[in-house]
Amino acid sequence: MDGRRTPPHLDLTPPSRPRCPRASPEEHPFAARRGLALVIAGLLISGCQNKCGLVERELHARENEVRELREELSKAEWYNEALLRELSEVRAGTSAKLSPELCSQVHTVKEIVLGRQTGGYDQDRCPGDDALQVVVEPRDPDGHALKAPGELHVTLLQVDAGGVKTPISSWDVPPDQLRRTWRQGLLSTGYHVILPWKVPPTTSKMRVVVQFILADGRVFEADKDFTIRLPPGTEPRGPALPTLPSEPVEPLPLPRKAEPSTGPSVSAKPTAVRGPATILRPVPAGTVP
């Protein structure tokens, strides 16, 4: 050779990447099944979590319902105890002749309320009201209307322009007649009693006082002010004028008879008639004849 060293041969081709071993045709179905199983397991886990949340919400709602039912049960027990105490008191008192069914209806009344329809009523369809309508609602401690047996005493008063109230009529409605007037509707539920005027009112402003008397002797009272429609031609009266107390007047003495006189008669002198007054004036000097 010529004395020169030849450089070693350089391999400039890039190294080949390591290849992953491919699964054999026998192992490929097992790998697909394993992936499918993982997907199904994930779906099951997420579904279980959703179902657990729904179950927890349902349990919470049921717990609230149970708590409310327990409160209602305690109220009902307390109410029954109060009714038993009242029943024992009634049987031991003057109302021992009442039946237990009647006592349960009577002793649950707490108050009476006059309905919205209480006021003037037109029966003959002519201008002006010719009757009084009273709607009485007996109520229990919860404020519900209760058909309790009893009788009514109604007093009607008219109010004049000065605010003075004057009773003009009163009615008594027995229990048998009152029981047939019970009505249940959307506006009001209670006894609807229509009472024709005994004395026609002369003012439009009225007041009614209602007393509801139960079988055990208790009395509930309610009143209401209202305005009626007077018939045509009826003029409202003003306030009554105060009357002064009259003083006793002494009777005049009876005339006495004239007695004849025994002495000399006295003649009456004629009275002179006076004429117009004469005015004297001074005469000036030199004019006298």
C-alpha atoms as a PDB file:
ATOM      1  CA  MET A   1       0.000   0.000   0.000  1.00  0.00           C
ATOM      2  CA  ASP A   2       0.947   3.607  -0.095  1.00  0.00           C
ATOM      3  CA  GLY A   3       1.390   3.794   3.609  1.00  0.00           C
ATOM      4  CA  ARG A   4      -2.021   5.467   4.335  1.00  0.00           C
ATOM      5  CA  ARG A   5      -4.488   4.025   6.852  1.00  0.00           C
ATOM      6  CA  THR A   6      -8.061   3.571   5.609  1.00  0.00           C
ATOM      7  CA  PRO A   7     -10.739   4.770   8.042  1.00  0.00           C
ATOM      8  CA  PRO A   8     -13.037   2.196   9.367  1.00  0.00           C
ATOM      9  CA  HIS A   9     -16.362   1.791   7.609  1.00  0.00           C
ATOM     10  CA  LEU A  10     -19.150   3.940   9.171  1.00  0.00           C
ATOM     11  CA  ASP A  11     -22.770   2.645   9.218  1.00  0.00           C
ATOM     12  CA  LEU A  12     -25.007   5.698   8.862  1.00  0.00           C
ATOM     13  CA  THR A  13     -28.425   3.850   8.801  1.00  0.00           C
ATOM     14  CA  PRO A  14     -30.731   4.769  11.783  1.00  0.00           C
ATOM     15  CA  PRO A  15     -31.210   2.100  14.381  1.00  0.00           C
ATOM     16  CA  SER A  16     -34.463   0.232  14.100  1.00  0.00           C
ATOM     17  CA  ARG A  17     -37.126   0.735  16.835  1.00  0.00           C
ATOM     18  CA  PRO A  18     -37.936  -2.186  19.053  1.00  0.00           C
ATOM     19  CA  ARG A  19     -41.193  -3.692  18.003  1.00  0.00           C
ATOM     20  CA  CYS A  20     -43.849  -4.721  20.523  1.00  0.00           C
ATOM     21  CA  PRO A  21     -44.572  -8.340  20.449  1.00  0.00           C
ATOM     22  CA  ARG A  22     -47.854  -8.948  18.773  1.00  0.00           C
ATOM     23  CA  ALA A  23     -50.359 -11.191  20.420  1.00  0.00           C
ATOM     24  CA  SER A  24     -50.865 -14.403  18.777  1.00  0.00           C
ATOM     25  CA  PRO A  25     -54.175 -15.136  17.139  1.00  0.00           C
ATOM     26  CA  GLU A  26     -55.013 -17.332  20.135  1.00  0.00           C
ATOM     27  CA  GLU A  27     -54.396 -14.500  22.727  1.00  0.00           C
ATOM     28  CA  HIS A  28     -56.234 -11.686  20.811  1.00  0.00           C
ATOM     29  CA  PRO A  29     -59.852 -12.664  21.853  1.00  0.00           C
ATOM     30  CA  PHE A  30     -58.827 -12.713  25.544  1.00  0.00           C
ATOM     31  CA  ALA A  31     -57.438  -9.163  25.327  1.00  0.00           C
ATOM     32  CA  ALA A  32     -60.690  -7.882  23.753  1.00  0.00           C
ATOM     33  CA  ARG A  33     -62.723  -9.602  26.427  1.00  0.00           C
ATOM     34  CA  ARG A  34     -60.576  -8.073  29.153  1.00  0.00           C
ATOM     35  CA  GLY A  35     -61.154  -4.550  27.798  1.00  0.00           C
ATOM     36  CA  LEU A  36     -64.886  -5.153  27.504  1.00  0.00           C
ATOM     37  CA  ALA A  37     -64.985  -6.392  31.079  1.00  0.00           C
ATOM     38  CA  LEU A  38     -63.237  -3.235  32.292  1.00  0.00           C
ATOM     39  CA  VAL A  39     -65.732  -1.009  30.465  1.00  0.00           C
ATOM     40  CA  ILE A  40     -68.671  -2.932  31.898  1.00  0.00           C
ATOM     41  CA  ALA A  41     -67.185  -2.733  35.396  1.00  0.00           C
ATOM     42  CA  GLY A  42     -66.802   1.052  35.076  1.00  0.00           C
ATOM     43  CA  LEU A  43     -70.405   1.433  33.961  1.00  0.00           C
ATOM     44  CA  LEU A  44     -71.614  -0.716  36.826  1.00  0.00           C
ATOM     45  CA  ILE A  45     -69.649   1.319  39.344  1.00  0.00           C
ATOM     46  CA  SER A  46     -71.046   4.645  38.020  1.00  0.00           C
ATOM     47  CA  GLY A  47     -74.584   3.222  38.000  1.00  0.00           C
ATOM     48  CA  CYS A  48     -74.209   2.043  41.569  1.00  0.00           C
ATOM     49  CA  GLN A  49     -73.089   5.494  42.630  1.00  0.00           C
ATOM     50  CA  ASN A  50     -76.153   7.092  40.999  1.00  0.00           C
ATOM     51  CA  LYS A  51     -78.448   4.531  42.580  1.00  0.00           C
ATOM     52  CA  CYS A  52     -76.873   5.125  45.977  1.00  0.00           C
ATOM     53  CA  GLY A  53     -77.583   8.871  45.659  1.00  0.00           C
ATOM     54  CA  LEU A  54     -81.228   8.187  44.778  1.00  0.00           C
ATOM     55  CA  VAL A  55     -81.589   5.799  47.701  1.00  0.00           C
ATOM     56  CA  GLU A  56     -80.134   8.369  50.099  1.00  0.00           C
ATOM     57  CA  ARG A  57     -82.590  11.019  48.903  1.00  0.00           C
ATOM     58  CA  GLU A  58     -85.513   8.646  49.280  1.00  0.00           C
ATOM     59  CA  LEU A  59     -84.414   7.736  52.804  1.00  0.00           C
ATOM     60  CA  HIS A  60     -84.153  11.418  53.727  1.00  0.00           C
ATOM     61  CA  ALA A  61     -87.667  12.101  52.394  1.00  0.00           C
ATOM     62  CA  ARG A  62     -89.064   9.127  54.301  1.00  0.00           C
ATOM     63  CA  GLU A  63     -87.422  10.329  57.505  1.00  0.00           C
ATOM     64  CA  ASN A  64     -89.089  13.727  57.098  1.00  0.00           C
ATOM     65  CA  GLU A  65     -92.469  12.088  56.550  1.00  0.00           C
ATOM     66  CA  VAL A  66     -92.036   9.928  59.632  1.00  0.00           C
ATOM     67  CA  ARG A  67     -91.144  12.970  61.717  1.00  0.00           C
ATOM     68  CA  GLU A  68     -94.239  14.875  60.500  1.00  0.00           C
ATOM     69  CA  LEU A  69     -96.470  11.870  61.181  1.00  0.00           C
ATOM     70  CA  ARG A  70     -95.114  11.612  64.702  1.00  0.00           C
ATOM     71  CA  GLU A  71     -95.908  15.278  65.310  1.00  0.00           C
ATOM     72  CA  GLU A  72     -99.450  14.818  64.003  1.00  0.00           C
ATOM     73  CA  LEU A  73     -99.857  11.761  66.203  1.00  0.00           C
ATOM     74  CA  SER A  74     -98.748  13.657  69.291  1.00  0.00           C
ATOM     75  CA  LYS A  75    -101.224  16.468  68.487  1.00  0.00           C
ATOM     76  CA  ALA A  76    -104.038  13.954  68.024  1.00  0.00           C
ATOM     77  CA  GLU A  77    -103.206  12.279  71.342  1.00  0.00           C
ATOM     78  CA  TRP A  78    -103.203  15.628  73.128  1.00  0.00           C
ATOM     79  CA  TYR A  79    -106.519  16.559  71.496  1.00  0.00           C
ATOM     80  CA  ASN A  80    -108.098  13.256  72.543  1.00  0.00           C
ATOM     81  CA  GLU A  81    -106.939  13.762  76.112  1.00  0.00           C
ATOM     82  CA  ALA A  82    -108.501  17.226  76.154  1.00  0.00           C
ATOM     83  CA  LEU A  83    -111.780  15.809  74.823  1.00  0.00           C
ATOM     84  CA  LEU A  84    -111.771  13.099  77.479  1.00  0.00           C
ATOM     85  CA  ARG A  85    -111.235  15.674  80.218  1.00  0.00           C
ATOM     86  CA  GLU A  86    -114.073  17.838  78.895  1.00  0.00           C
ATOM     87  CA  LEU A  87    -116.341  14.800  78.626  1.00  0.00           C
ATOM     88  CA  SER A  88    -115.642  13.817  82.210  1.00  0.00           C
ATOM     89  CA  GLU A  89    -116.352  17.369  83.372  1.00  0.00           C
ATOM     90  CA  VAL A  90    -119.617  17.457  81.440  1.00  0.00           C
ATOM     91  CA  ARG A  91    -120.785  14.139  82.845  1.00  0.00           C
ATOM     92  CA  ALA A  92    -119.936  15.288  86.354  1.00  0.00           C
ATOM     93  CA  GLY A  93    -121.667  18.671  85.925  1.00  0.00           C
ATOM     94  CA  THR A  94    -125.132  19.855  85.073  1.00  0.00           C
ATOM     95  CA  SER A  95    -124.914  18.615  81.460  1.00  0.00           C
ATOM     96  CA  ALA A  96    -124.660  14.952  82.404  1.00  0.00           C
ATOM     97  CA  LYS A  97    -127.846  14.213  80.417  1.00  0.00           C
ATOM     98  CA  LEU A  98    -126.091  14.875  77.090  1.00  0.00           C
ATOM     99  CA  SER A  99    -125.083  11.877  75.019  1.00  0.00           C
ATOM    100  CA  PRO A 100    -121.374  11.285  74.247  1.00  0.00           C
ATOM    101  CA  GLU A 101    -122.006  11.962  70.551  1.00  0.00           C
ATOM    102  CA  LEU A 102    -123.599  15.332  71.330  1.00  0.00           C
ATOM    103  CA  CYS A 103    -120.819  16.212  73.751  1.00  0.00           C
ATOM    104  CA  SER A 104    -118.191  15.521  71.094  1.00  0.00           C
ATOM    105  CA  GLN A 105    -119.957  17.935  68.729  1.00  0.00           C
ATOM    106  CA  VAL A 106    -120.612  20.643  71.310  1.00  0.00           C
ATOM    107  CA  HIS A 107    -117.358  20.796  73.237  1.00  0.00           C
ATOM    108  CA  THR A 108    -115.166  21.180  70.151  1.00  0.00           C
ATOM    109  CA  VAL A 109    -116.640  24.639  69.367  1.00  0.00           C
ATOM    110  CA  LYS A 110    -114.173  27.435  70.082  1.00  0.00           C
ATOM    111  CA  GLU A 111    -115.825  30.466  68.449  1.00  0.00           C
ATOM    112  CA  ILE A 112    -118.402  31.603  65.912  1.00  0.00           C
ATOM    113  CA  VAL A 113    -117.750  33.808  62.883  1.00  0.00           C
ATOM    114  CA  LEU A 114    -120.267  35.718  60.767  1.00  0.00           C
ATOM    115  CA  GLY A 115    -119.758  34.991  57.066  1.00  0.00           C
ATOM    116  CA  ARG A 116    -119.302  37.488  54.248  1.00  0.00           C
ATOM    117  CA  GLN A 117    -122.886  37.080  53.057  1.00  0.00           C
ATOM    118  CA  THR A 118    -124.280  38.431  56.332  1.00  0.00           C
ATOM    119  CA  GLY A 119    -126.292  41.577  55.538  1.00  0.00           C
ATOM    120  CA  GLY A 120    -129.349  42.757  53.640  1.00  0.00           C
ATOM    121  CA  TYR A 121    -131.230  40.284  51.438  1.00  0.00           C
ATOM    122  CA  ASP A 122    -133.718  40.871  48.611  1.00  0.00           C
ATOM    123  CA  GLN A 123    -136.457  38.223  48.532  1.00  0.00           C
ATOM    124  CA  ASP A 124    -139.075  39.767  46.233  1.00  0.00           C
ATOM    125  CA  ARG A 125    -136.572  40.964  43.581  1.00  0.00           C
ATOM    126  CA  CYS A 126    -137.840  44.528  43.995  1.00  0.00           C
ATOM    127  CA  PRO A 127    -135.560  47.511  44.576  1.00  0.00           C
ATOM    128  CA  GLY A 128    -134.369  47.543  48.172  1.00  0.00           C
ATOM    129  CA  ASP A 129    -133.654  44.846  50.748  1.00  0.00           C
ATOM    130  CA  ASP A 130    -136.590  43.303  52.560  1.00  0.00           C
ATOM    131  CA  ALA A 131    -134.894  40.726  54.826  1.00  0.00           C
ATOM    132  CA  LEU A 132    -131.783  40.010  56.869  1.00  0.00           C
ATOM    133  CA  GLN A 133    -129.428  37.151  55.989  1.00  0.00           C
ATOM    134  CA  VAL A 134    -127.187  35.777  58.751  1.00  0.00           C
ATOM    135  CA  VAL A 135    -124.395  33.262  58.019  1.00  0.00           C
ATOM    136  CA  VAL A 136    -123.058  31.695  61.241  1.00  0.00           C
ATOM    137  CA  GLU A 137    -119.925  29.515  61.155  1.00  0.00           C
ATOM    138  CA  PRO A 138    -119.150  27.567  64.369  1.00  0.00           C
ATOM    139  CA  ARG A 139    -115.419  26.741  64.336  1.00  0.00           C
ATOM    140  CA  ASP A 140    -113.226  24.235  66.156  1.00  0.00           C
ATOM    141  CA  PRO A 141    -109.738  24.985  67.592  1.00  0.00           C
ATOM    142  CA  ASP A 142    -108.185  24.413  64.131  1.00  0.00           C
ATOM    143  CA  GLY A 143    -110.442  27.020  62.476  1.00  0.00           C
ATOM    144  CA  HIS A 144    -112.609  24.513  60.557  1.00  0.00           C
ATOM    145  CA  ALA A 145    -116.383  24.914  60.234  1.00  0.00           C
ATOM    146  CA  LEU A 146    -118.280  22.539  62.527  1.00  0.00           C
ATOM    147  CA  LYS A 147    -121.978  21.644  62.374  1.00  0.00           C
ATOM    148  CA  ALA A 148    -122.649  21.959  66.085  1.00  0.00           C
ATOM    149  CA  PRO A 149    -126.253  21.822  67.355  1.00  0.00           C
ATOM    150  CA  GLY A 150    -127.635  24.902  69.038  1.00  0.00           C
ATOM    151  CA  GLU A 151    -130.074  27.806  68.758  1.00  0.00           C
ATOM    152  CA  LEU A 152    -129.730  31.409  67.587  1.00  0.00           C
ATOM    153  CA  HIS A 153    -130.792  34.707  69.062  1.00  0.00           C
ATOM    154  CA  VAL A 154    -130.445  37.574  66.560  1.00  0.00           C
ATOM    155  CA  THR A 155    -130.778  41.286  67.378  1.00  0.00           C
ATOM    156  CA  LEU A 156    -130.874  43.970  64.654  1.00  0.00           C
ATOM    157  CA  LEU A 157    -129.942  47.591  65.348  1.00  0.00           C
ATOM    158  CA  GLN A 158    -130.031  50.598  63.052  1.00  0.00           C
ATOM    159  CA  VAL A 159    -127.366  53.299  63.246  1.00  0.00           C
ATOM    160  CA  ASP A 160    -128.379  56.893  62.543  1.00  0.00           C
ATOM    161  CA  ALA A 161    -126.172  59.692  61.235  1.00  0.00           C
ATOM    162  CA  GLY A 162    -125.080  60.576  64.761  1.00  0.00           C
ATOM    163  CA  GLY A 163    -123.886  57.028  65.493  1.00  0.00           C
ATOM    164  CA  VAL A 164    -126.740  56.201  67.871  1.00  0.00           C
ATOM    165  CA  LYS A 165    -127.732  52.515  67.728  1.00  0.00           C
ATOM    166  CA  THR A 166    -131.393  51.649  68.169  1.00  0.00           C
ATOM    167  CA  PRO A 167    -132.695  48.051  68.309  1.00  0.00           C
ATOM    168  CA  ILE A 168    -135.593  47.519  65.934  1.00  0.00           C
ATOM    169  CA  SER A 169    -136.070  43.716  65.693  1.00  0.00           C
ATOM    170  CA  SER A 170    -135.025  40.407  67.267  1.00  0.00           C
ATOM    171  CA  TRP A 171    -135.490  36.759  66.285  1.00  0.00           C
ATOM    172  CA  ASP A 172    -135.100  33.345  67.974  1.00  0.00           C
ATOM    173  CA  VAL A 173    -134.277  30.332  65.801  1.00  0.00           C
ATOM    174  CA  PRO A 174    -134.790  26.921  67.526  1.00  0.00           C
ATOM    175  CA  PRO A 175    -132.313  24.015  67.010  1.00  0.00           C
ATOM    176  CA  ASP A 176    -134.639  21.997  64.734  1.00  0.00           C
ATOM    177  CA  GLN A 177    -135.152  24.902  62.354  1.00  0.00           C
ATOM    178  CA  LEU A 178    -131.499  25.911  62.495  1.00  0.00           C
ATOM    179  CA  ARG A 179    -130.291  22.418  61.592  1.00  0.00           C
ATOM    180  CA  ARG A 180    -132.097  22.551  58.229  1.00  0.00           C
ATOM    181  CA  THR A 181    -130.318  25.777  57.204  1.00  0.00           C
ATOM    182  CA  TRP A 182    -126.814  24.260  57.064  1.00  0.00           C
ATOM    183  CA  ARG A 183    -125.109  24.952  53.710  1.00  0.00           C
ATOM    184  CA  GLN A 184    -121.635  24.067  52.452  1.00  0.00           C
ATOM    185  CA  GLY A 185    -120.190  26.096  49.576  1.00  0.00           C
ATOM    186  CA  LEU A 186    -117.102  27.737  48.145  1.00  0.00           C
ATOM    187  CA  LEU A 187    -117.596  31.161  49.742  1.00  0.00           C
ATOM    188  CA  SER A 188    -118.763  30.081  53.184  1.00  0.00           C
ATOM    189  CA  THR A 189    -119.894  27.015  55.109  1.00  0.00           C
ATOM    190  CA  GLY A 190    -122.348  27.320  57.987  1.00  0.00           C
ATOM    191  CA  TYR A 191    -125.921  28.113  58.921  1.00  0.00           C
ATOM    192  CA  HIS A 192    -127.621  30.390  56.346  1.00  0.00           C
ATOM    193  CA  VAL A 193    -130.665  31.985  58.032  1.00  0.00           C
ATOM    194  CA  ILE A 194    -132.973  34.474  56.243  1.00  0.00           C
ATOM    195  CA  LEU A 195    -135.126  36.644  58.538  1.00  0.00           C
ATOM    196  CA  PRO A 196    -137.745  39.038  57.035  1.00  0.00           C
ATOM    197  CA  TRP A 197    -137.963  42.535  58.488  1.00  0.00           C
ATOM    198  CA  LYS A 198    -140.275  42.897  61.454  1.00  0.00           C
ATOM    199  CA  VAL A 199    -139.850  46.675  61.394  1.00  0.00           C
ATOM    200  CA  PRO A 200    -138.536  48.158  58.114  1.00  0.00           C
ATOM    201  CA  PRO A 201    -135.280  50.065  58.726  1.00  0.00           C
ATOM    202  CA  THR A 202    -135.144  53.776  58.030  1.00  0.00           C
ATOM    203  CA  THR A 203    -131.345  54.065  57.803  1.00  0.00           C
ATOM    204  CA  SER A 204    -128.888  52.256  55.570  1.00  0.00           C
ATOM    205  CA  LYS A 205    -126.284  51.564  58.251  1.00  0.00           C
ATOM    206  CA  MET A 206    -127.098  48.528  60.378  1.00  0.00           C
ATOM    207  CA  ARG A 207    -125.525  46.279  63.005  1.00  0.00           C
ATOM    208  CA  VAL A 208    -126.447  42.682  63.817  1.00  0.00           C
ATOM    209  CA  VAL A 209    -125.602  40.868  67.057  1.00  0.00           C
ATOM    210  CA  VAL A 210    -125.805  37.050  66.966  1.00  0.00           C
ATOM    211  CA  GLN A 211    -125.757  34.739  69.987  1.00  0.00           C
ATOM    212  CA  PHE A 212    -125.204  31.008  69.400  1.00  0.00           C
ATOM    213  CA  ILE A 213    -126.429  28.989  72.398  1.00  0.00           C
ATOM    214  CA  LEU A 214    -125.117  25.418  72.648  1.00  0.00           C
ATOM    215  CA  ALA A 215    -126.886  22.474  74.239  1.00  0.00           C
ATOM    216  CA  ASP A 216    -124.609  22.613  77.289  1.00  0.00           C
ATOM    217  CA  GLY A 217    -125.559  26.229  78.000  1.00  0.00           C
ATOM    218  CA  ARG A 218    -122.472  27.993  76.643  1.00  0.00           C
ATOM    219  CA  VAL A 219    -123.096  31.162  74.622  1.00  0.00           C
ATOM    220  CA  PHE A 220    -120.906  32.453  71.775  1.00  0.00           C
ATOM    221  CA  GLU A 221    -121.483  35.971  70.432  1.00  0.00           C
ATOM    222  CA  ALA A 222    -120.446  37.822  67.276  1.00  0.00           C
ATOM    223  CA  ASP A 223    -121.498  41.109  65.683  1.00  0.00           C
ATOM    224  CA  LYS A 224    -121.065  42.841  62.338  1.00  0.00           C
ATOM    225  CA  ASP A 225    -121.743  46.259  60.787  1.00  0.00           C
ATOM    226  CA  PHE A 226    -123.126  46.368  57.246  1.00  0.00           C
ATOM    227  CA  THR A 227    -125.064  48.573  54.821  1.00  0.00           C
ATOM    228  CA  ILE A 228    -128.429  47.760  53.277  1.00  0.00           C
ATOM    229  CA  ARG A 229    -130.305  49.097  50.244  1.00  0.00           C
ATOM    230  CA  LEU A 230    -133.350  51.098  51.219  1.00  0.00           C
ATOM    231  CA  PRO A 231    -136.483  50.976  49.062  1.00  0.00           C
ATOM    232  CA  PRO A 232    -137.074  53.989  46.785  1.00  0.00           C
ATOM    233  CA  GLY A 233    -138.740  56.887  48.576  1.00  0.00           C
ATOM    234  CA  THR A 234    -137.296  56.071  51.978  1.00  0.00           C
ATOM    235  CA  GLU A 235    -135.352  59.051  53.248  1.00  0.00           C
ATOM    236  CA  PRO A 236    -132.692  58.373  55.861  1.00  0.00           C
ATOM    237  CA  ARG A 237    -133.483  59.969  59.160  1.00  0.00           C
ATOM    238  CA  GLY A 238    -131.039  62.312  60.794  1.00  0.00           C
ATOM    239  CA  PRO A 239    -130.032  62.240  64.408  1.00  0.00           C
ATOM    240  CA  ALA A 240    -132.864  62.672  66.843  1.00  0.00           C
ATOM    241  CA  LEU A 241    -133.017  66.105  68.455  1.00  0.00           C
ATOM    242  CA  PRO A 242    -132.650  66.098  72.225  1.00  0.00           C
ATOM    243  CA  THR A 243    -135.858  66.801  74.106  1.00  0.00           C
ATOM    244  CA  LEU A 244    -135.720  69.251  77.003  1.00  0.00           C
ATOM    245  CA  PRO A 245    -137.239  68.115  80.280  1.00  0.00           C
ATOM    246  CA  SER A 246    -140.644  69.733  80.740  1.00  0.00           C
ATOM    247  CA  GLU A 247    -141.238  71.694  83.944  1.00  0.00           C
ATOM    248  CA  PRO A 248    -144.491  71.215  85.822  1.00  0.00           C
ATOM    249  CA  VAL A 249    -147.001  74.010  85.066  1.00  0.00           C
ATOM    250  CA  GLU A 250    -149.356  75.121  87.809  1.00  0.00           C
ATOM    251  CA  PRO A 251    -153.010  75.234  86.744  1.00  0.00           C
ATOM    252  CA  LEU A 252    -154.660  78.646  86.586  1.00  0.00           C
ATOM    253  CA  PRO A 253    -157.165  79.494  89.375  1.00  0.00           C
ATOM    254  CA  LEU A 254    -160.835  79.235  88.542  1.00  0.00           C
ATOM    255  CA  PRO A 255    -162.703  82.546  87.970  1.00  0.00           C
ATOM    256  CA  ARG A 256    -164.608  83.871  91.010  1.00  0.00           C
ATOM    257  CA  LYS A 257    -168.147  85.169  90.920  1.00  0.00           C
ATOM    258  CA  ALA A 258    -168.591  88.920  91.328  1.00  0.00           C
ATOM    259  CA  GLU A 259    -170.329  89.862  94.607  1.00  0.00           C
ATOM    260  CA  PRO A 260    -172.847  92.806  94.687  1.00  0.00           C
ATOM    261  CA  SER A 261    -171.450  95.907  96.424  1.00  0.00           C
ATOM    262  CA  THR A 262    -173.446  97.576  99.290  1.00  0.00           C
ATOM    263  CA  GLY A 263    -171.622 100.966  99.289  1.00  0.00           C
ATOM    264  CA  PRO A 264    -172.110 103.987  97.003  1.00  0.00           C
ATOM    265  CA  SER A 265    -171.512 103.341  93.412  1.00  0.00           C
ATOM    266  CA  VAL A 266    -168.503 104.970  91.934  1.00  0.00           C
ATOM    267  CA  SER A 267    -169.005 106.249  88.459  1.00  0.00           C
ATOM    268  CA  ALA A 268    -166.175 105.864  86.123  1.00  0.00           C
ATOM    269  CA  LYS A 269    -164.705 109.107  84.869  1.00  0.00           C
ATOM    270  CA  PRO A 270    -164.404 109.391  81.150  1.00  0.00           C
ATOM    271  CA  THR A 271    -160.933 109.592  79.989  1.00  0.00           C
ATOM    272  CA  ALA A 272    -160.026 112.549  77.861  1.00  0.00           C
ATOM    273  CA  VAL A 273    -158.816 111.868  74.413  1.00  0.00           C
ATOM    274  CA  ARG A 274    -155.557 113.527  73.805  1.00  0.00           C
ATOM    275  CA  GLY A 275    -155.028 115.251  70.507  1.00  0.00           C
ATOM    276  CA  PRO A 276    -151.835 116.260  68.817  1.00  0.00           C
ATOM    277  CA  ALA A 277    -149.513 118.330  70.973  1.00  0.00           C
ATOM    278  CA  THR A 278    -149.558 122.171  70.395  1.00  0.00           C
ATOM    279  CA  ILE A 279    -146.137 123.724  69.867  1.00  0.00           C
ATOM    280  CA  LEU A 280    -145.780 127.324  71.148  1.00  0.00           C
ATOM    281  CA  ARG A 281    -143.256 129.505  69.400  1.00  0.00           C
ATOM    282  CA  PRO A 282    -142.196 133.080  70.393  1.00  0.00           C
ATOM    283  CA  VAL A 283    -143.640 135.924  68.346  1.00  0.00           C
ATOM    284  CA  PRO A 284    -141.126 138.524  67.166  1.00  0.00           C
ATOM    285  CA  ALA A 285    -141.503 142.141  68.512  1.00  0.00           C
ATOM    286  CA  GLY A 286    -143.474 144.587  66.443  1.00  0.00           C
ATOM    287  CA  THR A 287    -145.884 142.106  65.031  1.00  0.00           C
ATOM    288  CA  VAL A 288    -148.433 142.382  67.841  1.00  0.00           C
ATOM    289  CA  PRO A 289    -151.480 144.430  66.709  1.00  0.00           C
END
